[in-house]
PDB file of N, CA and C in Angstrom:
ATOM      1  N   UNK A   1       0.819  -1.177   0.000  1.00  0.00           N
ATOM      2  CA  UNK A   1       0.000   0.000   0.000  1.00  0.00           C
ATOM      3  C   UNK A   1       0.871   1.251   0.000  1.00  0.00           C
ATOM      4  N   UNK A   2       0.416   2.229  -0.758  1.00  0.00           N
ATOM      5  CA  UNK A   2       1.134   3.492  -0.830  1.00  0.00           C
ATOM      6  C   UNK A   2       0.298   4.577  -0.176  1.00  0.00           C
ATOM      7  N   UNK A   3       0.970   5.524   0.435  1.00  0.00           N
ATOM      8  CA  UNK A   3       0.282   6.673   1.004  1.00  0.00           C
ATOM      9  C   UNK A   3       0.639   7.905   0.189  1.00  0.00           C
ATOM     10  N   UNK A   4      -0.359   8.673  -0.131  1.00  0.00           N
ATOM     11  CA  UNK A   4      -0.123   9.911  -0.863  1.00  0.00           C
ATOM     12  C   UNK A   4       0.012  11.041   0.155  1.00  0.00           C
ATOM     13  N   UNK A   5       1.171  11.645   0.172  1.00  0.00           N
ATOM     14  CA  UNK A   5       1.437  12.741   1.091  1.00  0.00           C
ATOM     15  C   UNK A   5       1.329  14.042   0.302  1.00  0.00           C
ATOM     16  N   UNK A   6       0.644  15.049   0.849  1.00  0.00           N
ATOM     17  CA  UNK A   6       0.470  16.294   0.095  1.00  0.00           C
ATOM     18  C   UNK A   6       1.801  16.970  -0.194  1.00  0.00           C
ATOM     19  N   UNK A   7       1.985  17.359  -1.421  1.00  0.00           N
ATOM     20  CA  UNK A   7       3.192  18.058  -1.824  1.00  0.00           C
ATOM     21  C   UNK A   7       2.954  19.555  -1.724  1.00  0.00           C
ATOM     22  N   UNK A   8       4.022  20.306  -1.880  1.00  0.00           N
ATOM     23  CA  UNK A   8       3.923  21.763  -1.845  1.00  0.00           C
ATOM     24  C   UNK A   8       3.025  22.264  -2.966  1.00  0.00           C
ATOM     25  N   UNK A   9       3.106  21.640  -4.131  1.00  0.00           N
ATOM     26  CA  UNK A   9       2.272  22.045  -5.264  1.00  0.00           C
ATOM     27  C   UNK A   9       0.797  21.800  -4.969  1.00  0.00           C
ATOM     28  N   UNK A  10       0.484  20.658  -4.383  1.00  0.00           N
ATOM     29  CA  UNK A  10      -0.909  20.340  -4.062  1.00  0.00           C
ATOM     30  C   UNK A  10      -1.460  21.299  -3.008  1.00  0.00           C
ATOM     31  N   UNK A  11      -0.661  21.621  -2.004  1.00  0.00           N
ATOM     32  CA  UNK A  11      -1.088  22.565  -0.965  1.00  0.00           C
ATOM     33  C   UNK A  11      -1.283  23.953  -1.569  1.00  0.00           C
ATOM     34  N   UNK A  12      -0.407  24.339  -2.492  1.00  0.00           N
ATOM     35  CA  UNK A  12      -0.544  25.628  -3.166  1.00  0.00           C
ATOM     36  C   UNK A  12      -1.830  25.682  -3.979  1.00  0.00           C
ATOM     37  N   UNK A  13      -2.146  24.597  -4.674  1.00  0.00           N
ATOM     38  CA  UNK A  13      -3.379  24.538  -5.454  1.00  0.00           C
ATOM     39  C   UNK A  13      -4.612  24.621  -4.552  1.00  0.00           C
ATOM     40  N   UNK A  14      -4.559  23.961  -3.400  1.00  0.00           N
ATOM     41  CA  UNK A  14      -5.685  24.008  -2.470  1.00  0.00           C
ATOM     42  C   UNK A  14      -5.864  25.418  -1.910  1.00  0.00           C
ATOM     43  N   UNK A  15      -4.765  26.083  -1.602  1.00  0.00           N
ATOM     44  CA  UNK A  15      -4.834  27.446  -1.099  1.00  0.00           C
ATOM     45  C   UNK A  15      -5.425  28.381  -2.145  1.00  0.00           C
ATOM     46  N   UNK A  16      -5.000  28.215  -3.395  1.00  0.00           N
ATOM     47  CA  UNK A  16      -5.542  29.031  -4.472  1.00  0.00           C
ATOM     48  C   UNK A  16      -7.041  28.756  -4.636  1.00  0.00           C
ATOM     49  N   UNK A  17      -7.445  27.490  -4.571  1.00  0.00           N
ATOM     50  CA  UNK A  17      -8.850  27.140  -4.721  1.00  0.00           C
ATOM     51  C   UNK A  17      -9.692  27.747  -3.593  1.00  0.00           C
ATOM     52  N   UNK A  18      -9.194  27.729  -2.364  1.00  0.00           N
ATOM     53  CA  UNK A  18      -9.911  28.341  -1.252  1.00  0.00           C
ATOM     54  C   UNK A  18     -10.072  29.840  -1.453  1.00  0.00           C
ATOM     55  N   UNK A  19      -9.062  30.490  -1.999  1.00  0.00           N
ATOM     56  CA  UNK A  19      -9.150  31.926  -2.277  1.00  0.00           C
ATOM     57  C   UNK A  19     -10.177  32.208  -3.367  1.00  0.00           C
ATOM     58  N   UNK A  20     -10.209  31.383  -4.407  1.00  0.00           N
ATOM     59  CA  UNK A  20     -11.186  31.556  -5.491  1.00  0.00           C
ATOM     60  C   UNK A  20     -12.598  31.369  -4.943  1.00  0.00           C
ATOM     61  N   UNK A  21     -12.821  30.354  -4.123  1.00  0.00           N
ATOM     62  CA  UNK A  21     -14.160  30.133  -3.577  1.00  0.00           C
ATOM     63  C   UNK A  21     -14.564  31.249  -2.624  1.00  0.00           C
ATOM     64  N   UNK A  22     -13.626  31.810  -1.884  1.00  0.00           N
ATOM     65  CA  UNK A  22     -13.938  32.921  -0.981  1.00  0.00           C
ATOM     66  C   UNK A  22     -14.385  34.147  -1.768  1.00  0.00           C
ATOM     67  N   UNK A  23     -13.675  34.453  -2.851  1.00  0.00           N
ATOM     68  CA  UNK A  23     -14.039  35.592  -3.696  1.00  0.00           C
ATOM     69  C   UNK A  23     -15.385  35.354  -4.361  1.00  0.00           C
ATOM     70  N   UNK A  24     -15.602  34.150  -4.876  1.00  0.00           N
ATOM     71  CA  UNK A  24     -16.866  33.818  -5.524  1.00  0.00           C
ATOM     72  C   UNK A  24     -18.021  33.897  -4.540  1.00  0.00           C
ATOM     73  N   UNK A  25     -17.822  33.431  -3.303  1.00  0.00           N
ATOM     74  CA  UNK A  25     -18.860  33.526  -2.277  1.00  0.00           C
ATOM     75  C   UNK A  25     -19.221  34.980  -1.989  1.00  0.00           C
ATOM     76  N   UNK A  26     -18.227  35.845  -1.925  1.00  0.00           N
ATOM     77  CA  UNK A  26     -18.497  37.261  -1.666  1.00  0.00           C
ATOM     78  C   UNK A  26     -19.280  37.886  -2.816  1.00  0.00           C
ATOM     79  N   UNK A  27     -18.888  37.577  -4.047  1.00  0.00           N
ATOM     80  CA  UNK A  27     -19.580  38.137  -5.217  1.00  0.00           C
ATOM     81  C   UNK A  27     -21.032  37.667  -5.252  1.00  0.00           C
ATOM     82  N   UNK A  28     -21.262  36.384  -5.015  1.00  0.00           N
ATOM     83  CA  UNK A  28     -22.639  35.877  -5.043  1.00  0.00           C
ATOM     84  C   UNK A  28     -23.466  36.425  -3.880  1.00  0.00           C
ATOM     85  N   UNK A  29     -22.843  36.676  -2.730  1.00  0.00           N
ATOM     86  CA  UNK A  29     -23.570  37.284  -1.613  1.00  0.00           C
ATOM     87  C   UNK A  29     -24.025  38.695  -1.972  1.00  0.00           C
ATOM     88  N   UNK A  30     -23.142  39.481  -2.558  1.00  0.00           N
ATOM     89  CA  UNK A  30     -23.492  40.847  -2.937  1.00  0.00           C
ATOM     90  C   UNK A  30     -24.598  40.836  -3.998  1.00  0.00           C
ATOM     91  N   UNK A  31     -24.458  39.962  -4.997  1.00  0.00           N
ATOM     92  CA  UNK A  31     -25.480  39.878  -6.041  1.00  0.00           C
ATOM     93  C   UNK A  31     -26.826  39.435  -5.460  1.00  0.00           C
ATOM     94  N   UNK A  32     -26.815  38.442  -4.597  1.00  0.00           N
ATOM     95  CA  UNK A  32     -28.048  37.947  -3.996  1.00  0.00           C
ATOM     96  C   UNK A  32     -28.723  39.020  -3.155  1.00  0.00           C
ATOM     97  N   UNK A  33     -27.941  39.747  -2.377  1.00  0.00           N
ATOM     98  CA  UNK A  33     -28.498  40.811  -1.545  1.00  0.00           C
ATOM     99  C   UNK A  33     -29.122  41.900  -2.402  1.00  0.00           C
ATOM    100  N   UNK A  34     -28.434  42.322  -3.443  1.00  0.00           N
ATOM    101  CA  UNK A  34     -28.944  43.376  -4.321  1.00  0.00           C
ATOM    102  C   UNK A  34     -30.212  42.925  -5.055  1.00  0.00           C
ATOM    103  N   UNK A  35     -30.166  41.754  -5.668  1.00  0.00           N
ATOM    104  CA  UNK A  35     -31.296  41.278  -6.460  1.00  0.00           C
ATOM    105  C   UNK A  35     -32.523  41.022  -5.582  1.00  0.00           C
ATOM    106  N   UNK A  36     -32.330  40.405  -4.417  1.00  0.00           N
ATOM    107  CA  UNK A  36     -33.470  40.158  -3.540  1.00  0.00           C
ATOM    108  C   UNK A  36     -34.007  41.442  -2.927  1.00  0.00           C
ATOM    109  N   UNK A  37     -33.144  42.419  -2.701  1.00  0.00           N
ATOM    110  CA  UNK A  37     -33.615  43.718  -2.233  1.00  0.00           C
ATOM    111  C   UNK A  37     -34.479  44.407  -3.282  1.00  0.00           C
ATOM    112  N   UNK A  38     -34.038  44.365  -4.526  1.00  0.00           N
ATOM    113  CA  UNK A  38     -34.833  44.930  -5.625  1.00  0.00           C
ATOM    114  C   UNK A  38     -36.151  44.178  -5.761  1.00  0.00           C
ATOM    115  N   UNK A  39     -36.084  42.863  -5.672  1.00  0.00           N
ATOM    116  CA  UNK A  39     -37.294  42.053  -5.774  1.00  0.00           C
ATOM    117  C   UNK A  39     -38.289  42.386  -4.665  1.00  0.00           C
ATOM    118  N   UNK A  40     -37.820  42.497  -3.437  1.00  0.00           N
ATOM    119  CA  UNK A  40     -38.706  42.858  -2.333  1.00  0.00           C
ATOM    120  C   UNK A  40     -39.348  44.221  -2.560  1.00  0.00           C
ATOM    121  N   UNK A  41     -38.553  45.173  -3.026  1.00  0.00           N
ATOM    122  CA  UNK A  41     -39.076  46.508  -3.298  1.00  0.00           C
ATOM    123  C   UNK A  41     -40.138  46.461  -4.396  1.00  0.00           C
ATOM    124  N   UNK A  42     -39.882  45.710  -5.464  1.00  0.00           N
ATOM    125  CA  UNK A  42     -40.853  45.607  -6.546  1.00  0.00           C
ATOM    126  C   UNK A  42     -42.139  44.899  -6.099  1.00  0.00           C
ATOM    127  N   UNK A  43     -41.998  43.858  -5.294  1.00  0.00           N
ATOM    128  CA  UNK A  43     -43.184  43.152  -4.804  1.00  0.00           C
ATOM    129  C   UNK A  43     -44.026  44.093  -3.941  1.00  0.00           C
ATOM    130  N   UNK A  44     -43.363  44.873  -3.109  1.00  0.00           N
ATOM    131  CA  UNK A  44     -44.075  45.764  -2.195  1.00  0.00           C
ATOM    132  C   UNK A  44     -44.742  46.921  -2.928  1.00  0.00           C
ATOM    133  N   UNK A  45     -44.070  47.479  -3.936  1.00  0.00           N
ATOM    134  CA  UNK A  45     -44.578  48.697  -4.566  1.00  0.00           C
ATOM    135  C   UNK A  45     -45.322  48.470  -5.870  1.00  0.00           C
ATOM    136  N   UNK A  46     -44.977  47.462  -6.634  1.00  0.00           N
ATOM    137  CA  UNK A  46     -45.518  47.344  -7.985  1.00  0.00           C
ATOM    138  C   UNK A  46     -46.393  46.111  -8.221  1.00  0.00           C
ATOM    139  N   UNK A  47     -46.690  45.343  -7.186  1.00  0.00           N
ATOM    140  CA  UNK A  47     -47.510  44.157  -7.424  1.00  0.00           C
ATOM    141  C   UNK A  47     -48.986  44.554  -7.518  1.00  0.00           C
ATOM    142  N   UNK A  48     -49.698  43.959  -8.464  1.00  0.00           N
ATOM    143  CA  UNK A  48     -51.120  44.286  -8.632  1.00  0.00           C
ATOM    144  C   UNK A  48     -51.957  43.822  -7.439  1.00  0.00           C
ATOM    145  N   UNK A  49     -53.064  44.464  -7.242  1.00  0.00           N
ATOM    146  CA  UNK A  49     -53.948  44.141  -6.115  1.00  0.00           C
ATOM    147  C   UNK A  49     -54.550  42.740  -6.224  1.00  0.00           C
ATOM    148  N   UNK A  50     -54.742  42.237  -7.445  1.00  0.00           N
ATOM    149  CA  UNK A  50     -55.367  40.919  -7.589  1.00  0.00           C
ATOM    150  C   UNK A  50     -54.442  39.765  -7.195  1.00  0.00           C
ATOM    151  N   UNK A  51     -53.168  40.051  -6.900  1.00  0.00           N
ATOM    152  CA  UNK A  51     -52.274  39.005  -6.396  1.00  0.00           C
ATOM    153  C   UNK A  51     -52.669  38.577  -4.984  1.00  0.00           C
ATOM    154  N   UNK A  52     -53.253  39.485  -4.219  1.00  0.00           N
ATOM    155  CA  UNK A  52     -53.748  39.171  -2.874  1.00  0.00           C
ATOM    156  C   UNK A  52     -52.654  38.684  -1.935  1.00  0.00           C
ATOM    157  N   UNK A  53     -52.915  37.551  -1.270  1.00  0.00           N
ATOM    158  CA  UNK A  53     -51.972  37.009  -0.284  1.00  0.00           C
ATOM    159  C   UNK A  53     -50.746  36.360  -0.916  1.00  0.00           C
ATOM    160  N   UNK A  54     -50.769  36.156  -2.226  1.00  0.00           N
ATOM    161  CA  UNK A  54     -49.616  35.593  -2.925  1.00  0.00           C
ATOM    162  C   UNK A  54     -48.391  36.496  -2.782  1.00  0.00           C
ATOM    163  N   UNK A  55     -48.622  37.789  -2.586  1.00  0.00           N
ATOM    164  CA  UNK A  55     -47.540  38.749  -2.384  1.00  0.00           C
ATOM    165  C   UNK A  55     -46.712  38.353  -1.168  1.00  0.00           C
ATOM    166  N   UNK A  56     -47.377  37.919  -0.103  1.00  0.00           N
ATOM    167  CA  UNK A  56     -46.654  37.537   1.115  1.00  0.00           C
ATOM    168  C   UNK A  56     -45.820  36.276   0.894  1.00  0.00           C
ATOM    169  N   UNK A  57     -46.308  35.370   0.090  1.00  0.00           N
ATOM    170  CA  UNK A  57     -45.532  34.172  -0.230  1.00  0.00           C
ATOM    171  C   UNK A  57     -44.268  34.542  -1.020  1.00  0.00           C
ATOM    172  N   UNK A  58     -44.422  35.416  -2.008  1.00  0.00           N
ATOM    173  CA  UNK A  58     -43.251  35.851  -2.789  1.00  0.00           C
ATOM    174  C   UNK A  58     -42.251  36.588  -1.908  1.00  0.00           C
ATOM    175  N   UNK A  59     -42.754  37.419  -1.000  1.00  0.00           N
ATOM    176  CA  UNK A  59     -41.856  38.136  -0.095  1.00  0.00           C
ATOM    177  C   UNK A  59     -41.141  37.182   0.855  1.00  0.00           C
ATOM    178  N   UNK A  60     -41.833  36.154   1.308  1.00  0.00           N
ATOM    179  CA  UNK A  60     -41.199  35.199   2.221  1.00  0.00           C
ATOM    180  C   UNK A  60     -40.080  34.429   1.525  1.00  0.00           C
ATOM    181  N   UNK A  61     -40.269  34.085   0.243  1.00  0.00           N
ATOM    182  CA  UNK A  61     -39.198  33.410  -0.489  1.00  0.00           C
ATOM    183  C   UNK A  61     -37.977  34.324  -0.645  1.00  0.00           C
ATOM    184  N   UNK A  62     -38.212  35.585  -0.908  1.00  0.00           N
ATOM    185  CA  UNK A  62     -37.112  36.523  -1.078  1.00  0.00           C
ATOM    186  C   UNK A  62     -36.371  36.755   0.242  1.00  0.00           C
ATOM    187  N   UNK A  63     -37.111  36.904   1.333  1.00  0.00           N
ATOM    188  CA  UNK A  63     -36.479  37.079   2.651  1.00  0.00           C
ATOM    189  C   UNK A  63     -35.712  35.822   3.038  1.00  0.00           C
ATOM    190  N   UNK A  64     -36.281  34.655   2.753  1.00  0.00           N
ATOM    191  CA  UNK A  64     -35.605  33.385   3.033  1.00  0.00           C
ATOM    192  C   UNK A  64     -34.272  33.304   2.274  1.00  0.00           C
ATOM    193  N   UNK A  65     -34.280  33.731   1.030  1.00  0.00           N
ATOM    194  CA  UNK A  65     -33.049  33.724   0.238  1.00  0.00           C
ATOM    195  C   UNK A  65     -32.016  34.685   0.814  1.00  0.00           C
ATOM    196  N   UNK A  66     -32.457  35.836   1.288  1.00  0.00           N
ATOM    197  CA  UNK A  66     -31.537  36.783   1.933  1.00  0.00           C
ATOM    198  C   UNK A  66     -30.920  36.185   3.196  1.00  0.00           C
ATOM    199  N   UNK A  67     -31.734  35.510   3.984  1.00  0.00           N
ATOM    200  CA  UNK A  67     -31.241  34.909   5.236  1.00  0.00           C
ATOM    201  C   UNK A  67     -30.207  33.830   4.931  1.00  0.00           C
ATOM    202  N   UNK A  68     -30.518  32.940   3.992  1.00  0.00           N
ATOM    203  CA  UNK A  68     -29.580  31.863   3.680  1.00  0.00           C
ATOM    204  C   UNK A  68     -28.296  32.385   3.033  1.00  0.00           C
ATOM    205  N   UNK A  69     -28.384  33.421   2.211  1.00  0.00           N
ATOM    206  CA  UNK A  69     -27.180  34.004   1.620  1.00  0.00           C
ATOM    207  C   UNK A  69     -26.300  34.622   2.706  1.00  0.00           C
ATOM    208  N   UNK A  70     -26.928  35.259   3.694  1.00  0.00           N
ATOM    209  CA  UNK A  70     -26.167  35.854   4.794  1.00  0.00           C
ATOM    210  C   UNK A  70     -25.499  34.787   5.650  1.00  0.00           C
ATOM    211  N   UNK A  71     -26.225  33.712   5.942  1.00  0.00           N
ATOM    212  CA  UNK A  71     -25.655  32.616   6.734  1.00  0.00           C
ATOM    213  C   UNK A  71     -24.483  31.983   5.994  1.00  0.00           C
ATOM    214  N   UNK A  72     -24.655  31.752   4.701  1.00  0.00           N
ATOM    215  CA  UNK A  72     -23.586  31.140   3.908  1.00  0.00           C
ATOM    216  C   UNK A  72     -22.361  32.051   3.852  1.00  0.00           C
ATOM    217  N   UNK A  73     -22.571  33.348   3.703  1.00  0.00           N
ATOM    218  CA  UNK A  73     -21.442  34.284   3.652  1.00  0.00           C
ATOM    219  C   UNK A  73     -20.733  34.372   5.003  1.00  0.00           C
ATOM    220  N   UNK A  74     -21.492  34.285   6.085  1.00  0.00           N
ATOM    221  CA  UNK A  74     -20.897  34.383   7.417  1.00  0.00           C
ATOM    222  C   UNK A  74     -20.121  33.124   7.780  1.00  0.00           C
ATOM    223  N   UNK A  75     -20.678  31.947   7.496  1.00  0.00           N
ATOM    224  CA  UNK A  75     -20.036  30.688   7.880  1.00  0.00           C
ATOM    225  C   UNK A  75     -18.959  30.248   6.904  1.00  0.00           C
ATOM    226  N   UNK A  76     -19.101  30.585   5.632  1.00  0.00           N
ATOM    227  CA  UNK A  76     -18.174  30.209   4.567  1.00  0.00           C
ATOM    228  C   UNK A  76     -17.827  28.723   4.598  1.00  0.00           C
ATOM    229  N   UNK A  77     -18.828  27.860   4.365  1.00  0.00           N
ATOM    230  CA  UNK A  77     -18.553  26.421   4.388  1.00  0.00           C
ATOM    231  C   UNK A  77     -17.695  25.991   3.202  1.00  0.00           C
ATOM    232  N   UNK A  78     -16.730  25.136   3.474  1.00  0.00           N
ATOM    233  CA  UNK A  78     -15.853  24.609   2.436  1.00  0.00           C
ATOM    234  C   UNK A  78     -15.707  23.119   2.676  1.00  0.00           C
ATOM    235  N   UNK A  79     -15.931  22.318   1.641  1.00  0.00           N
ATOM    236  CA  UNK A  79     -15.744  20.882   1.808  1.00  0.00           C
ATOM    237  C   UNK A  79     -14.246  20.584   1.819  1.00  0.00           C
ATOM    238  N   UNK A  80     -13.863  19.648   2.633  1.00  0.00           N
ATOM    239  CA  UNK A  80     -12.457  19.313   2.782  1.00  0.00           C
ATOM    240  C   UNK A  80     -12.209  17.895   2.309  1.00  0.00           C
ATOM    241  N   UNK A  81     -11.044  17.701   1.702  1.00  0.00           N
ATOM    242  CA  UNK A  81     -10.654  16.368   1.267  1.00  0.00           C
ATOM    243  C   UNK A  81      -9.722  15.726   2.272  1.00  0.00           C
ATOM    244  N   UNK A  82      -9.438  14.474   2.056  1.00  0.00           N
ATOM    245  CA  UNK A  82      -8.526  13.742   2.931  1.00  0.00           C
ATOM    246  C   UNK A  82      -7.160  13.717   2.263  1.00  0.00           C
ATOM    247  N   UNK A  83      -6.131  14.075   3.018  1.00  0.00           N
ATOM    248  CA  UNK A  83      -4.788  14.135   2.453  1.00  0.00           C
ATOM    249  C   UNK A  83      -4.194  12.747   2.229  1.00  0.00           C
ATOM    250  N   UNK A  84      -4.289  11.904   3.226  1.00  0.00           N
ATOM    251  CA  UNK A  84      -3.669  10.591   3.112  1.00  0.00           C
ATOM    252  C   UNK A  84      -4.680   9.601   2.555  1.00  0.00           C
ATOM    253  N   UNK A  85      -4.336   8.982   1.461  1.00  0.00           N
ATOM    254  CA  UNK A  85      -5.200   7.998   0.825  1.00  0.00           C
ATOM    255  C   UNK A  85      -4.413   6.717   0.622  1.00  0.00           C
ATOM    256  N   UNK A  86      -5.010   5.597   0.943  1.00  0.00           N
ATOM    257  CA  UNK A  86      -4.341   4.320   0.747  1.00  0.00           C
ATOM    258  C   UNK A  86      -4.756   3.745  -0.604  1.00  0.00           C
ATOM    259  N   UNK A  87      -3.782   3.448  -1.416  1.00  0.00           N
ATOM    260  CA  UNK A  87      -4.044   2.854  -2.722  1.00  0.00           C
ATOM    261  C   UNK A  87      -3.724   1.364  -2.677  1.00  0.00           C
ATOM    262  N   UNK A  88      -4.576   0.575  -3.238  1.00  0.00           N
ATOM    263  CA  UNK A  88      -4.293  -0.853  -3.289  1.00  0.00           C
ATOM    264  C   UNK A  88      -3.708  -1.196  -4.649  1.00  0.00           C
ATOM    265  N   UNK A  89      -2.841  -2.120  -4.661  1.00  0.00           N
ATOM    266  CA  UNK A  89      -2.175  -2.501  -5.910  1.00  0.00           C
ATOM    267  C   UNK A  89      -2.720  -3.817  -6.410  1.00  0.00           C
TER     268      UNK A  89
END
């Protein structure tokens, strides 16, 4: 059995990948906040009267999306791999 030990190149690639995901998470958080804010404003001001209680359902989905985007941005979850792997021959 062989063990794969992380090399400097592999660690460098993982560090770069974590930086890319951090930047992407920030960009998607900003976009989600802006778009859901606009959506909430449009639902509140421009929705027709015949929509009735459906307006509250649409608003709840938008608020829910804002909450989850904020939680994701705050926690910044990242899946982790295992460094040592046993290979069978």
